[in-house]
Protein backbone atom coordinates (compact mmCIF):
# COMPACT_ATOMS: atom_id res chain seq x y z
CA UNK A 1 -30.14 32.18 8.88
CA UNK A 2 -29.20 30.59 12.04
CA UNK A 3 -32.64 30.77 13.03
CA UNK A 4 -33.64 29.01 10.58
CA UNK A 5 -31.60 26.33 11.09
CA UNK A 6 -32.12 26.25 14.99
CA UNK A 7 -36.00 26.26 13.91
CA UNK A 8 -35.78 23.51 11.28
CA UNK A 9 -33.86 21.22 13.52
CA UNK A 10 -36.13 21.60 16.77
CA UNK A 11 -38.89 21.06 14.39
CA UNK A 12 -37.23 17.60 13.51
CA UNK A 13 -36.87 16.69 16.67
CA UNK A 14 -40.29 17.54 17.93
CA UNK A 15 -41.33 15.12 14.86
CA UNK A 16 -39.23 12.40 15.43
CA UNK A 17 -39.87 12.28 19.12
CA UNK A 18 -44.02 12.07 18.54
CA UNK A 19 -42.92 9.27 15.89
CA UNK A 20 -41.27 7.20 18.01
CA UNK A 21 -44.20 7.16 20.66
CA UNK A 22 -41.87 5.04 23.15
CA UNK A 23 -40.47 9.09 24.12
CA UNK A 24 -43.97 10.39 24.74
CA UNK A 25 -44.71 7.23 26.42
CA UNK A 26 -41.60 7.28 28.82
CA UNK A 27 -43.13 10.99 29.25
CA UNK A 28 -45.94 9.45 30.34
CA UNK A 29 -47.64 11.60 28.16
CA UNK A 30 -49.77 9.10 26.81
CA UNK A 31 -51.08 5.42 28.06
CA UNK A 32 -49.40 2.60 28.05
CA UNK A 33 -50.07 -1.17 28.87
CA UNK A 34 -47.48 -4.25 29.53
CA UNK A 35 -47.72 -7.94 29.36
CA UNK A 36 -47.52 -9.49 32.97
CA UNK A 37 -46.05 -12.48 34.00
CA UNK A 38 -48.92 -15.19 35.68
CA UNK A 39 -48.32 -18.19 38.08
CA UNK A 40 -51.34 -19.93 37.31
CA UNK A 41 -51.42 -21.36 33.25
CA UNK A 42 -54.23 -19.42 32.14
CA UNK A 43 -56.18 -18.89 28.73
CA UNK A 44 -55.36 -15.01 27.50
CA UNK A 45 -53.29 -12.50 28.33
CA UNK A 46 -52.87 -9.76 31.80
CA UNK A 47 -52.08 -6.66 30.95
CA UNK A 48 -51.27 -3.92 33.13
CA UNK A 49 -52.20 -0.27 31.91
CA UNK A 50 -50.80 3.01 33.15
CA UNK A 51 -52.39 6.43 32.61
CA UNK A 52 -51.23 8.83 30.39
CA UNK A 53 -51.44 12.81 31.24
CA UNK A 54 -53.11 13.45 27.99
CA UNK A 55 -54.96 10.06 27.15
CA UNK A 56 -55.67 8.82 30.67
CA UNK A 57 -56.51 5.02 30.97
CA UNK A 58 -56.65 2.82 28.11
CA UNK A 59 -60.45 1.01 27.38
CA UNK A 60 -59.28 -2.31 26.21
CA UNK A 61 -63.11 -3.27 26.59
CA UNK A 62 -63.12 -2.76 22.50
CA UNK A 63 -61.18 -6.05 22.77
CA UNK A 64 -63.16 -8.19 24.48
CA UNK A 65 -60.84 -7.36 27.64
CA UNK A 66 -62.16 -7.47 31.00
CA UNK A 67 -61.41 -4.85 33.62
CA UNK A 68 -60.12 -5.84 37.22
CA UNK A 69 -59.74 -4.05 40.04
CA UNK A 70 -56.86 -1.74 39.98
CA UNK A 71 -53.37 -2.12 41.97
CA UNK A 72 -51.98 0.98 42.71
CA UNK A 73 -50.90 3.00 39.51
CA UNK A 74 -51.94 -0.13 37.50
CA UNK A 75 -54.98 -1.16 35.85
CA UNK A 76 -55.58 -4.54 35.06
CA UNK A 77 -57.26 -6.03 32.14
CA UNK A 78 -57.31 -10.09 31.60
CA UNK A 79 -57.83 -10.28 27.62
CA UNK A 80 -59.31 -13.78 25.90
CA UNK A 81 -56.14 -12.99 23.29
CA UNK A 82 -52.62 -11.76 24.14
CA UNK A 83 -52.73 -7.66 22.61
CA UNK A 84 -48.95 -6.86 23.02
CA UNK A 85 -46.18 -8.77 23.11
CA UNK A 86 -44.53 -9.53 26.58
CA UNK A 87 -41.17 -7.38 26.81
CA UNK A 88 -39.91 -8.97 30.19
CA UNK A 89 -40.95 -6.14 32.47
CA UNK A 90 -44.33 -6.22 34.05
């Protein structure tokens, strides 16, 4: 009976972790993008994307974004409109 309860608790924990994608992003399994602050007023939005172990870098070209040269661990994208809300960290 205890094994069933422990197995159910483990499954529930895994399902909760999958539901909260932030957990998987912090574990660097999925790619993630965040808005970057720019010093020059420009139309659109700059995003810095990090690679995920399972998914690699995201492809934002389907959202009419243009890829810029990579900068360290970040892949930079310039998008004509805002895709993600800025979290204040870039």
